[in-house]
Structure formats: structure tokens, C-alpha cells
Amino acid sequence: SLTLQQRILCGDRECSRSRTVMVCFDAQAQQSVPV
């Protein structure tokens, strides 16, 4: 897995922030795979 941090900015103003956890995934095998 990997964790992303994101911010929406309007100029220098931070309007939103988000934290997302994502898993690498093999759709054929229907299982997670190493990063």
C-alpha cells in the first residue's frame, strides 16, 4: 500500500486536504500485489 497526502490550493490558501490509502491490486487474480 501507499498513502497519499493532497491539498487543494487557491493561491496560498489551503482550501481542502485529503489523505488516501491505496493498495496495488491485480484485477485478474483479484488480490493485492507488492508496491
PDB file of all heavy atoms in Angstrom:
ATOM      1  N   SER A   1       0.824  -1.201   0.000  1.00  0.00           N
ATOM      2  CA  SER A   1       0.000   0.000   0.000  1.00  0.00           C
ATOM      3  C   SER A   1       0.860   1.253   0.000  1.00  0.00           C
ATOM      4  O   SER A   1       2.045   1.217   0.315  1.00  0.00           O
ATOM      5  CB  SER A   1      -0.913   0.018   1.226  1.00  0.00           C
ATOM      6  OG  SER A   1      -0.144   0.149   2.403  1.00  0.00           O
ATOM      7  N   LEU A   2       0.222   2.347  -0.361  1.00  0.00           N
ATOM      8  CA  LEU A   2       0.867   3.647  -0.253  1.00  0.00           C
ATOM      9  C   LEU A   2      -0.162   4.658   0.227  1.00  0.00           C
ATOM     10  O   LEU A   2      -1.352   4.516  -0.027  1.00  0.00           O
ATOM     11  CB  LEU A   2       1.503   4.080  -1.568  1.00  0.00           C
ATOM     12  CG  LEU A   2       0.711   3.915  -2.844  1.00  0.00           C
ATOM     13  CD1 LEU A   2       0.269   5.257  -3.357  1.00  0.00           C
ATOM     14  CD2 LEU A   2       1.610   3.260  -3.866  1.00  0.00           C
ATOM     15  N   THR A   3       0.328   5.645   0.953  1.00  0.00           N
ATOM     16  CA  THR A   3      -0.534   6.679   1.497  1.00  0.00           C
ATOM     17  C   THR A   3      -0.183   8.000   0.833  1.00  0.00           C
ATOM     18  O   THR A   3       0.986   8.394   0.816  1.00  0.00           O
ATOM     19  CB  THR A   3      -0.371   6.794   3.023  1.00  0.00           C
ATOM     20  OG1 THR A   3      -0.692   5.523   3.606  1.00  0.00           O
ATOM     21  CG2 THR A   3      -1.279   7.857   3.610  1.00  0.00           C
ATOM     22  N   LEU A   4      -1.196   8.654   0.273  1.00  0.00           N
ATOM     23  CA  LEU A   4      -1.017   9.941  -0.389  1.00  0.00           C
ATOM     24  C   LEU A   4      -1.575  11.054   0.480  1.00  0.00           C
ATOM     25  O   LEU A   4      -2.593  10.872   1.158  1.00  0.00           O
ATOM     26  CB  LEU A   4      -1.765   9.983  -1.728  1.00  0.00           C
ATOM     27  CG  LEU A   4      -1.464   8.906  -2.748  1.00  0.00           C
ATOM     28  CD1 LEU A   4      -2.290   9.142  -4.006  1.00  0.00           C
ATOM     29  CD2 LEU A   4       0.006   8.857  -3.088  1.00  0.00           C
ATOM     30  N   GLN A   5      -0.924  12.194   0.443  1.00  0.00           N
ATOM     31  CA  GLN A   5      -1.438  13.422   1.039  1.00  0.00           C
ATOM     32  C   GLN A   5      -1.682  14.389  -0.107  1.00  0.00           C
ATOM     33  O   GLN A   5      -0.867  14.484  -1.035  1.00  0.00           O
ATOM     34  CB  GLN A   5      -0.428  14.042   2.006  1.00  0.00           C
ATOM     35  CG  GLN A   5      -0.271  13.280   3.288  1.00  0.00           C
ATOM     36  CD  GLN A   5      -1.440  13.491   4.236  1.00  0.00           C
ATOM     37  OE1 GLN A   5      -2.292  14.354   4.054  1.00  0.00           O
ATOM     38  NE2 GLN A   5      -1.499  12.672   5.271  1.00  0.00           N
ATOM     39  N   GLN A   6      -2.803  15.108  -0.046  1.00  0.00           N
ATOM     40  CA  GLN A   6      -3.124  16.081  -1.082  1.00  0.00           C
ATOM     41  C   GLN A   6      -3.726  17.326  -0.455  1.00  0.00           C
ATOM     42  O   GLN A   6      -4.356  17.252   0.599  1.00  0.00           O
ATOM     43  CB  GLN A   6      -4.139  15.488  -2.074  1.00  0.00           C
ATOM     44  CG  GLN A   6      -3.573  14.332  -2.879  1.00  0.00           C
ATOM     45  CD  GLN A   6      -4.582  13.815  -3.878  1.00  0.00           C
ATOM     46  OE1 GLN A   6      -5.482  13.077  -3.507  1.00  0.00           O
ATOM     47  NE2 GLN A   6      -4.436  14.226  -5.128  1.00  0.00           N
ATOM     48  N   ARG A   7      -3.519  18.441  -1.157  1.00  0.00           N
ATOM     49  CA  ARG A   7      -4.119  19.711  -0.747  1.00  0.00           C
ATOM     50  C   ARG A   7      -4.650  20.414  -1.980  1.00  0.00           C
ATOM     51  O   ARG A   7      -4.009  20.395  -3.022  1.00  0.00           O
ATOM     52  CB  ARG A   7      -3.094  20.627  -0.080  1.00  0.00           C
ATOM     53  CG  ARG A   7      -2.445  20.052   1.134  1.00  0.00           C
ATOM     54  CD  ARG A   7      -1.530  21.021   1.855  1.00  0.00           C
ATOM     55  NE  ARG A   7      -0.588  21.704   0.987  1.00  0.00           N
ATOM     56  CZ  ARG A   7      -0.094  22.917   1.234  1.00  0.00           C
ATOM     57  NH1 ARG A   7      -0.453  23.591   2.314  1.00  0.00           N
ATOM     58  NH2 ARG A   7       0.769  23.481   0.412  1.00  0.00           N
ATOM     59  N   ILE A   8      -5.821  21.019  -1.849  1.00  0.00           N
ATOM     60  CA  ILE A   8      -6.328  21.916  -2.880  1.00  0.00           C
ATOM     61  C   ILE A   8      -5.972  23.320  -2.433  1.00  0.00           C
ATOM     62  O   ILE A   8      -6.298  23.726  -1.310  1.00  0.00           O
ATOM     63  CB  ILE A   8      -7.844  21.772  -3.082  1.00  0.00           C
ATOM     64  CG1 ILE A   8      -8.178  20.388  -3.650  1.00  0.00           C
ATOM     65  CG2 ILE A   8      -8.355  22.875  -4.011  1.00  0.00           C
ATOM     66  CD1 ILE A   8      -9.659  20.129  -3.837  1.00  0.00           C
ATOM     67  N   LEU A   9      -5.297  24.038  -3.321  1.00  0.00           N
ATOM     68  CA  LEU A   9      -4.824  25.383  -3.017  1.00  0.00           C
ATOM     69  C   LEU A   9      -5.439  26.395  -3.972  1.00  0.00           C
ATOM     70  O   LEU A   9      -5.540  26.149  -5.176  1.00  0.00           O
ATOM     71  CB  LEU A   9      -3.299  25.445  -3.148  1.00  0.00           C
ATOM     72  CG  LEU A   9      -2.517  24.452  -2.285  1.00  0.00           C
ATOM     73  CD1 LEU A   9      -1.077  24.368  -2.741  1.00  0.00           C
ATOM     74  CD2 LEU A   9      -2.603  24.856  -0.822  1.00  0.00           C
ATOM     75  N   CYS A  10      -5.830  27.529  -3.426  1.00  0.00           N
ATOM     76  CA  CYS A  10      -6.234  28.703  -4.204  1.00  0.00           C
ATOM     77  C   CYS A  10      -5.219  29.779  -3.845  1.00  0.00           C
ATOM     78  O   CYS A  10      -5.307  30.390  -2.775  1.00  0.00           O
ATOM     79  CB  CYS A  10      -7.642  29.158  -3.845  1.00  0.00           C
ATOM     80  SG  CYS A  10      -8.915  27.971  -4.297  1.00  0.00           S
ATOM     81  N   GLY A  11      -4.211  29.912  -4.699  1.00  0.00           N
ATOM     82  CA  GLY A  11      -3.084  30.775  -4.337  1.00  0.00           C
ATOM     83  C   GLY A  11      -2.355  30.142  -3.166  1.00  0.00           C
ATOM     84  O   GLY A  11      -2.007  28.961  -3.202  1.00  0.00           O
ATOM     85  N   ASP A  12      -2.163  30.913  -2.093  1.00  0.00           N
ATOM     86  CA  ASP A  12      -1.503  30.392  -0.891  1.00  0.00           C
ATOM     87  C   ASP A  12      -2.490  29.806   0.118  1.00  0.00           C
ATOM     88  O   ASP A  12      -2.091  29.276   1.140  1.00  0.00           O
ATOM     89  CB  ASP A  12      -0.714  31.508  -0.194  1.00  0.00           C
ATOM     90  CG  ASP A  12       0.463  31.969  -1.022  1.00  0.00           C
ATOM     91  OD1 ASP A  12       0.982  31.167  -1.826  1.00  0.00           O
ATOM     92  OD2 ASP A  12       0.867  33.147  -0.871  1.00  0.00           O
ATOM     93  N   ARG A  13      -3.774  29.898  -0.178  1.00  0.00           N
ATOM     94  CA  ARG A  13      -4.812  29.441   0.750  1.00  0.00           C
ATOM     95  C   ARG A  13      -5.106  27.960   0.546  1.00  0.00           C
ATOM     96  O   ARG A  13      -5.421  27.513  -0.545  1.00  0.00           O
ATOM     97  CB  ARG A  13      -6.086  30.259   0.528  1.00  0.00           C
ATOM     98  CG  ARG A  13      -7.228  29.929   1.456  1.00  0.00           C
ATOM     99  CD  ARG A  13      -8.348  30.957   1.341  1.00  0.00           C
ATOM    100  NE  ARG A  13      -8.707  31.262  -0.030  1.00  0.00           N
ATOM    101  CZ  ARG A  13      -9.728  30.708  -0.673  1.00  0.00           C
ATOM    102  NH1 ARG A  13     -10.515  29.831  -0.080  1.00  0.00           N
ATOM    103  NH2 ARG A  13      -9.991  31.042  -1.917  1.00  0.00           N
ATOM    104  N   GLU A  14      -4.990  27.196   1.635  1.00  0.00           N
ATOM    105  CA  GLU A  14      -5.338  25.779   1.605  1.00  0.00           C
ATOM    106  C   GLU A  14      -6.848  25.659   1.805  1.00  0.00           C
ATOM    107  O   GLU A  14      -7.383  26.071   2.829  1.00  0.00           O
ATOM    108  CB  GLU A  14      -4.595  25.030   2.706  1.00  0.00           C
ATOM    109  CG  GLU A  14      -4.879  23.551   2.721  1.00  0.00           C
ATOM    110  CD  GLU A  14      -4.148  22.818   3.822  1.00  0.00           C
ATOM    111  OE1 GLU A  14      -3.805  23.450   4.855  1.00  0.00           O
ATOM    112  OE2 GLU A  14      -3.923  21.614   3.667  1.00  0.00           O
ATOM    113  N   CYS A  15      -7.529  25.104   0.789  1.00  0.00           N
ATOM    114  CA  CYS A  15      -8.992  25.010   0.831  1.00  0.00           C
ATOM    115  C   CYS A  15      -9.478  23.651   1.311  1.00  0.00           C
ATOM    116  O   CYS A  15     -10.512  23.558   1.970  1.00  0.00           O
ATOM    117  CB  CYS A  15      -9.574  25.297  -0.552  1.00  0.00           C
ATOM    118  SG  CYS A  15      -9.153  26.954  -1.138  1.00  0.00           S
ATOM    119  N   SER A  16      -8.752  22.597   0.939  1.00  0.00           N
ATOM    120  CA  SER A  16      -9.124  21.230   1.330  1.00  0.00           C
ATOM    121  C   SER A  16      -7.856  20.419   1.458  1.00  0.00           C
ATOM    122  O   SER A  16      -6.847  20.714   0.819  1.00  0.00           O
ATOM    123  CB  SER A  16     -10.016  20.570   0.272  1.00  0.00           C
ATOM    124  OG  SER A  16     -11.164  21.322   0.029  1.00  0.00           O
ATOM    125  N   ARG A  17      -7.944  19.358   2.250  1.00  0.00           N
ATOM    126  CA  ARG A  17      -6.828  18.405   2.317  1.00  0.00           C
ATOM    127  C   ARG A  17      -7.408  17.003   2.363  1.00  0.00           C
ATOM    128  O   ARG A  17      -8.513  16.791   2.876  1.00  0.00           O
ATOM    129  CB  ARG A  17      -5.900  18.697   3.473  1.00  0.00           C
ATOM    130  CG  ARG A  17      -6.412  18.374   4.837  1.00  0.00           C
ATOM    131  CD  ARG A  17      -5.359  18.574   5.923  1.00  0.00           C
ATOM    132  NE  ARG A  17      -5.027  19.949   6.113  1.00  0.00           N
ATOM    133  CZ  ARG A  17      -5.340  20.670   7.183  1.00  0.00           C
ATOM    134  NH1 ARG A  17      -5.984  20.115   8.197  1.00  0.00           N
ATOM    135  NH2 ARG A  17      -5.004  21.928   7.270  1.00  0.00           N
ATOM    136  N   SER A  18      -6.659  16.069   1.826  1.00  0.00           N
ATOM    137  CA  SER A  18      -7.136  14.692   1.761  1.00  0.00           C
ATOM    138  C   SER A  18      -5.986  13.732   2.014  1.00  0.00           C
ATOM    139  O   SER A  18      -4.850  13.986   1.619  1.00  0.00           O
ATOM    140  CB  SER A  18      -7.742  14.428   0.375  1.00  0.00           C
ATOM    141  OG  SER A  18      -8.285  13.132   0.308  1.00  0.00           O
ATOM    142  N   ARG A  19      -6.314  12.642   2.672  1.00  0.00           N
ATOM    143  CA  ARG A  19      -5.357  11.551   2.915  1.00  0.00           C
ATOM    144  C   ARG A  19      -5.993  10.291   2.349  1.00  0.00           C
ATOM    145  O   ARG A  19      -7.119   9.940   2.703  1.00  0.00           O
ATOM    146  CB  ARG A  19      -5.103  11.396   4.402  1.00  0.00           C
ATOM    147  CG  ARG A  19      -4.073  10.348   4.738  1.00  0.00           C
ATOM    148  CD  ARG A  19      -3.771  10.396   6.246  1.00  0.00           C
ATOM    149  NE  ARG A  19      -2.682   9.537   6.577  1.00  0.00           N
ATOM    150  CZ  ARG A  19      -2.825   8.276   6.968  1.00  0.00           C
ATOM    151  NH1 ARG A  19      -4.030   7.741   7.088  1.00  0.00           N
ATOM    152  NH2 ARG A  19      -1.768   7.539   7.255  1.00  0.00           N
ATOM    153  N   THR A  20      -5.265   9.623   1.448  1.00  0.00           N
ATOM    154  CA  THR A  20      -5.788   8.449   0.764  1.00  0.00           C
ATOM    155  C   THR A  20      -4.840   7.285   0.925  1.00  0.00           C
ATOM    156  O   THR A  20      -3.635   7.425   0.681  1.00  0.00           O
ATOM    157  CB  THR A  20      -5.955   8.744  -0.746  1.00  0.00           C
ATOM    158  OG1 THR A  20      -6.753   9.908  -0.907  1.00  0.00           O
ATOM    159  CG2 THR A  20      -6.603   7.573  -1.464  1.00  0.00           C
ATOM    160  N   VAL A  21      -5.361   6.133   1.330  1.00  0.00           N
ATOM    161  CA  VAL A  21      -4.575   4.898   1.356  1.00  0.00           C
ATOM    162  C   VAL A  21      -5.000   4.090   0.134  1.00  0.00           C
ATOM    163  O   VAL A  21      -6.188   3.867  -0.100  1.00  0.00           O
ATOM    164  CB  VAL A  21      -4.816   4.088   2.650  1.00  0.00           C
ATOM    165  CG1 VAL A  21      -4.016   2.786   2.615  1.00  0.00           C
ATOM    166  CG2 VAL A  21      -4.463   4.923   3.873  1.00  0.00           C
ATOM    167  N   MET A  22      -3.996   3.686  -0.652  1.00  0.00           N
ATOM    168  CA  MET A  22      -4.241   2.911  -1.861  1.00  0.00           C
ATOM    169  C   MET A  22      -3.470   1.598  -1.783  1.00  0.00           C
ATOM    170  O   MET A  22      -2.389   1.549  -1.212  1.00  0.00           O
ATOM    171  CB  MET A  22      -3.796   3.694  -3.097  1.00  0.00           C
ATOM    172  CG  MET A  22      -4.498   5.038  -3.219  1.00  0.00           C
ATOM    173  SD  MET A  22      -4.029   5.956  -4.686  1.00  0.00           S
ATOM    174  CE  MET A  22      -5.112   5.146  -5.872  1.00  0.00           C
ATOM    175  N   VAL A  23      -4.042   0.556  -2.356  1.00  0.00           N
ATOM    176  CA  VAL A  23      -3.410  -0.754  -2.392  1.00  0.00           C
ATOM    177  C   VAL A  23      -3.177  -1.130  -3.845  1.00  0.00           C
ATOM    178  O   VAL A  23      -4.066  -0.972  -4.680  1.00  0.00           O
ATOM    179  CB  VAL A  23      -4.296  -1.818  -1.699  1.00  0.00           C
ATOM    180  CG1 VAL A  23      -3.760  -3.221  -1.917  1.00  0.00           C
ATOM    181  CG2 VAL A  23      -4.411  -1.524  -0.212  1.00  0.00           C
ATOM    182  N   CYS A  24      -1.976  -1.602  -4.160  1.00  0.00           N
ATOM    183  CA  CYS A  24      -1.697  -2.111  -5.504  1.00  0.00           C
ATOM    184  C   CYS A  24      -2.468  -3.416  -5.660  1.00  0.00           C
ATOM    185  O   CYS A  24      -2.466  -4.262  -4.762  1.00  0.00           O
ATOM    186  CB  CYS A  24      -0.205  -2.325  -5.695  1.00  0.00           C
ATOM    187  SG  CYS A  24       0.710  -0.768  -5.729  1.00  0.00           S
ATOM    188  N   PHE A  25      -3.119  -3.569  -6.805  1.00  0.00           N
ATOM    189  CA  PHE A  25      -4.087  -4.646  -6.947  1.00  0.00           C
ATOM    190  C   PHE A  25      -4.016  -5.269  -8.332  1.00  0.00           C
ATOM    191  O   PHE A  25      -3.965  -4.570  -9.339  1.00  0.00           O
ATOM    192  CB  PHE A  25      -5.495  -4.080  -6.705  1.00  0.00           C
ATOM    193  CG  PHE A  25      -6.565  -5.118  -6.540  1.00  0.00           C
ATOM    194  CD1 PHE A  25      -6.679  -5.833  -5.372  1.00  0.00           C
ATOM    195  CD2 PHE A  25      -7.460  -5.359  -7.565  1.00  0.00           C
ATOM    196  CE1 PHE A  25      -7.679  -6.775  -5.208  1.00  0.00           C
ATOM    197  CE2 PHE A  25      -8.463  -6.295  -7.416  1.00  0.00           C
ATOM    198  CZ  PHE A  25      -8.570  -7.019  -6.231  1.00  0.00           C
ATOM    199  N   ASP A  26      -4.000  -6.588  -8.371  1.00  0.00           N
ATOM    200  CA  ASP A  26      -4.052  -7.346  -9.619  1.00  0.00           C
ATOM    201  C   ASP A  26      -5.504  -7.739  -9.847  1.00  0.00           C
ATOM    202  O   ASP A  26      -6.043  -8.611  -9.172  1.00  0.00           O
ATOM    203  CB  ASP A  26      -3.159  -8.583  -9.503  1.00  0.00           C
ATOM    204  CG  ASP A  26      -3.143  -9.438 -10.756  1.00  0.00           C
ATOM    205  OD1 ASP A  26      -4.125  -9.414 -11.534  1.00  0.00           O
ATOM    206  OD2 ASP A  26      -2.147 -10.148 -10.958  1.00  0.00           O
ATOM    207  N   ALA A  27      -6.142  -7.068 -10.825  1.00  0.00           N
ATOM    208  CA  ALA A  27      -7.566  -7.305 -11.072  1.00  0.00           C
ATOM    209  C   ALA A  27      -7.832  -8.718 -11.594  1.00  0.00           C
ATOM    210  O   ALA A  27      -8.867  -9.306 -11.295  1.00  0.00           O
ATOM    211  CB  ALA A  27      -8.108  -6.277 -12.055  1.00  0.00           C
ATOM    212  N   GLN A  28      -6.898  -9.251 -12.358  1.00  0.00           N
ATOM    213  CA  GLN A  28      -7.059 -10.607 -12.902  1.00  0.00           C
ATOM    214  C   GLN A  28      -7.091 -11.645 -11.783  1.00  0.00           C
ATOM    215  O   GLN A  28      -7.958 -12.507 -11.738  1.00  0.00           O
ATOM    216  CB  GLN A  28      -5.917 -10.905 -13.880  1.00  0.00           C
ATOM    217  CG  GLN A  28      -6.060 -12.189 -14.635  1.00  0.00           C
ATOM    218  CD  GLN A  28      -6.972 -12.029 -15.836  1.00  0.00           C
ATOM    219  OE1 GLN A  28      -7.284 -10.919 -16.241  1.00  0.00           O
ATOM    220  NE2 GLN A  28      -7.406 -13.134 -16.384  1.00  0.00           N
ATOM    221  N   ALA A  29      -6.118 -11.551 -10.886  1.00  0.00           N
ATOM    222  CA  ALA A  29      -6.021 -12.503  -9.778  1.00  0.00           C
ATOM    223  C   ALA A  29      -6.912 -12.119  -8.596  1.00  0.00           C
ATOM    224  O   ALA A  29      -7.078 -12.916  -7.670  1.00  0.00           O
ATOM    225  CB  ALA A  29      -4.570 -12.610  -9.312  1.00  0.00           C
ATOM    226  N   GLN A  30      -7.442 -10.878  -8.621  1.00  0.00           N
ATOM    227  CA  GLN A  30      -8.274 -10.382  -7.529  1.00  0.00           C
ATOM    228  C   GLN A  30      -7.558 -10.434  -6.181  1.00  0.00           C
ATOM    229  O   GLN A  30      -8.101 -10.900  -5.173  1.00  0.00           O
ATOM    230  CB  GLN A  30      -9.610 -11.143  -7.457  1.00  0.00           C
ATOM    231  CG  GLN A  30     -10.555 -10.803  -8.583  1.00  0.00           C
ATOM    232  CD  GLN A  30     -11.046  -9.365  -8.480  1.00  0.00           C
ATOM    233  OE1 GLN A  30     -11.729  -9.005  -7.530  1.00  0.00           O
ATOM    234  NE2 GLN A  30     -10.688  -8.537  -9.458  1.00  0.00           N
ATOM    235  N   GLN A  31      -6.307  -9.917  -6.185  1.00  0.00           N
ATOM    236  CA  GLN A  31      -5.550  -9.863  -4.941  1.00  0.00           C
ATOM    237  C   GLN A  31      -4.565  -8.705  -4.966  1.00  0.00           C
ATOM    238  O   GLN A  31      -4.192  -8.220  -6.034  1.00  0.00           O
ATOM    239  CB  GLN A  31      -4.804 -11.176  -4.693  1.00  0.00           C
ATOM    240  CG  GLN A  31      -3.748 -11.498  -5.726  1.00  0.00           C
ATOM    241  CD  GLN A  31      -3.125 -12.864  -5.488  1.00  0.00           C
ATOM    242  OE1 GLN A  31      -3.666 -13.695  -4.772  1.00  0.00           O
ATOM    243  NE2 GLN A  31      -1.986 -13.099  -6.102  1.00  0.00           N
ATOM    244  N   SER A  32      -4.161  -8.289  -3.792  1.00  0.00           N
ATOM    245  CA  SER A  32      -3.184  -7.215  -3.694  1.00  0.00           C
ATOM    246  C   SER A  32      -1.814  -7.731  -4.111  1.00  0.00           C
ATOM    247  O   SER A  32      -1.537  -8.934  -4.032  1.00  0.00           O
ATOM    248  CB  SER A  32      -3.151  -6.658  -2.271  1.00  0.00           C
ATOM    249  OG  SER A  32      -2.818  -7.677  -1.351  1.00  0.00           O
ATOM    250  N   VAL A  33      -0.980  -6.812  -4.584  1.00  0.00           N
ATOM    251  CA  VAL A  33       0.374  -7.147  -5.026  1.00  0.00           C
ATOM    252  C   VAL A  33       1.344  -6.146  -4.411  1.00  0.00           C
ATOM    253  O   VAL A  33       0.940  -5.048  -4.009  1.00  0.00           O
ATOM    254  CB  VAL A  33       0.492  -7.134  -6.574  1.00  0.00           C
ATOM    255  CG1 VAL A  33      -0.382  -8.219  -7.194  1.00  0.00           C
ATOM    256  CG2 VAL A  33       0.148  -5.774  -7.149  1.00  0.00           C
ATOM    257  N   PRO A  34       2.635  -6.493  -4.342  1.00  0.00           N
ATOM    258  CA  PRO A  34       3.616  -5.563  -3.762  1.00  0.00           C
ATOM    259  C   PRO A  34       3.745  -4.270  -4.571  1.00  0.00           C
ATOM    260  O   PRO A  34       3.604  -4.264  -5.791  1.00  0.00           O
ATOM    261  CB  PRO A  34       4.923  -6.355  -3.804  1.00  0.00           C
ATOM    262  CG  PRO A  34       4.503  -7.790  -3.845  1.00  0.00           C
ATOM    263  CD  PRO A  34       3.227  -7.803  -4.642  1.00  0.00           C
ATOM    264  N   VAL A  35       4.028  -3.195  -3.866  1.00  0.00           N
ATOM    265  CA  VAL A  35       4.346  -1.922  -4.498  1.00  0.00           C
ATOM    266  C   VAL A  35       5.675  -2.101  -5.236  1.00  0.00           C
ATOM    267  O   VAL A  35       6.610  -2.708  -4.693  1.00  0.00           O
ATOM    268  CB  VAL A  35       4.489  -0.808  -3.434  1.00  0.00           C
ATOM    269  CG1 VAL A  35       4.992   0.478  -4.048  1.00  0.00           C
ATOM    270  CG2 VAL A  35       3.175  -0.604  -2.697  1.00  0.00           C
TER     271      VAL A  35
END
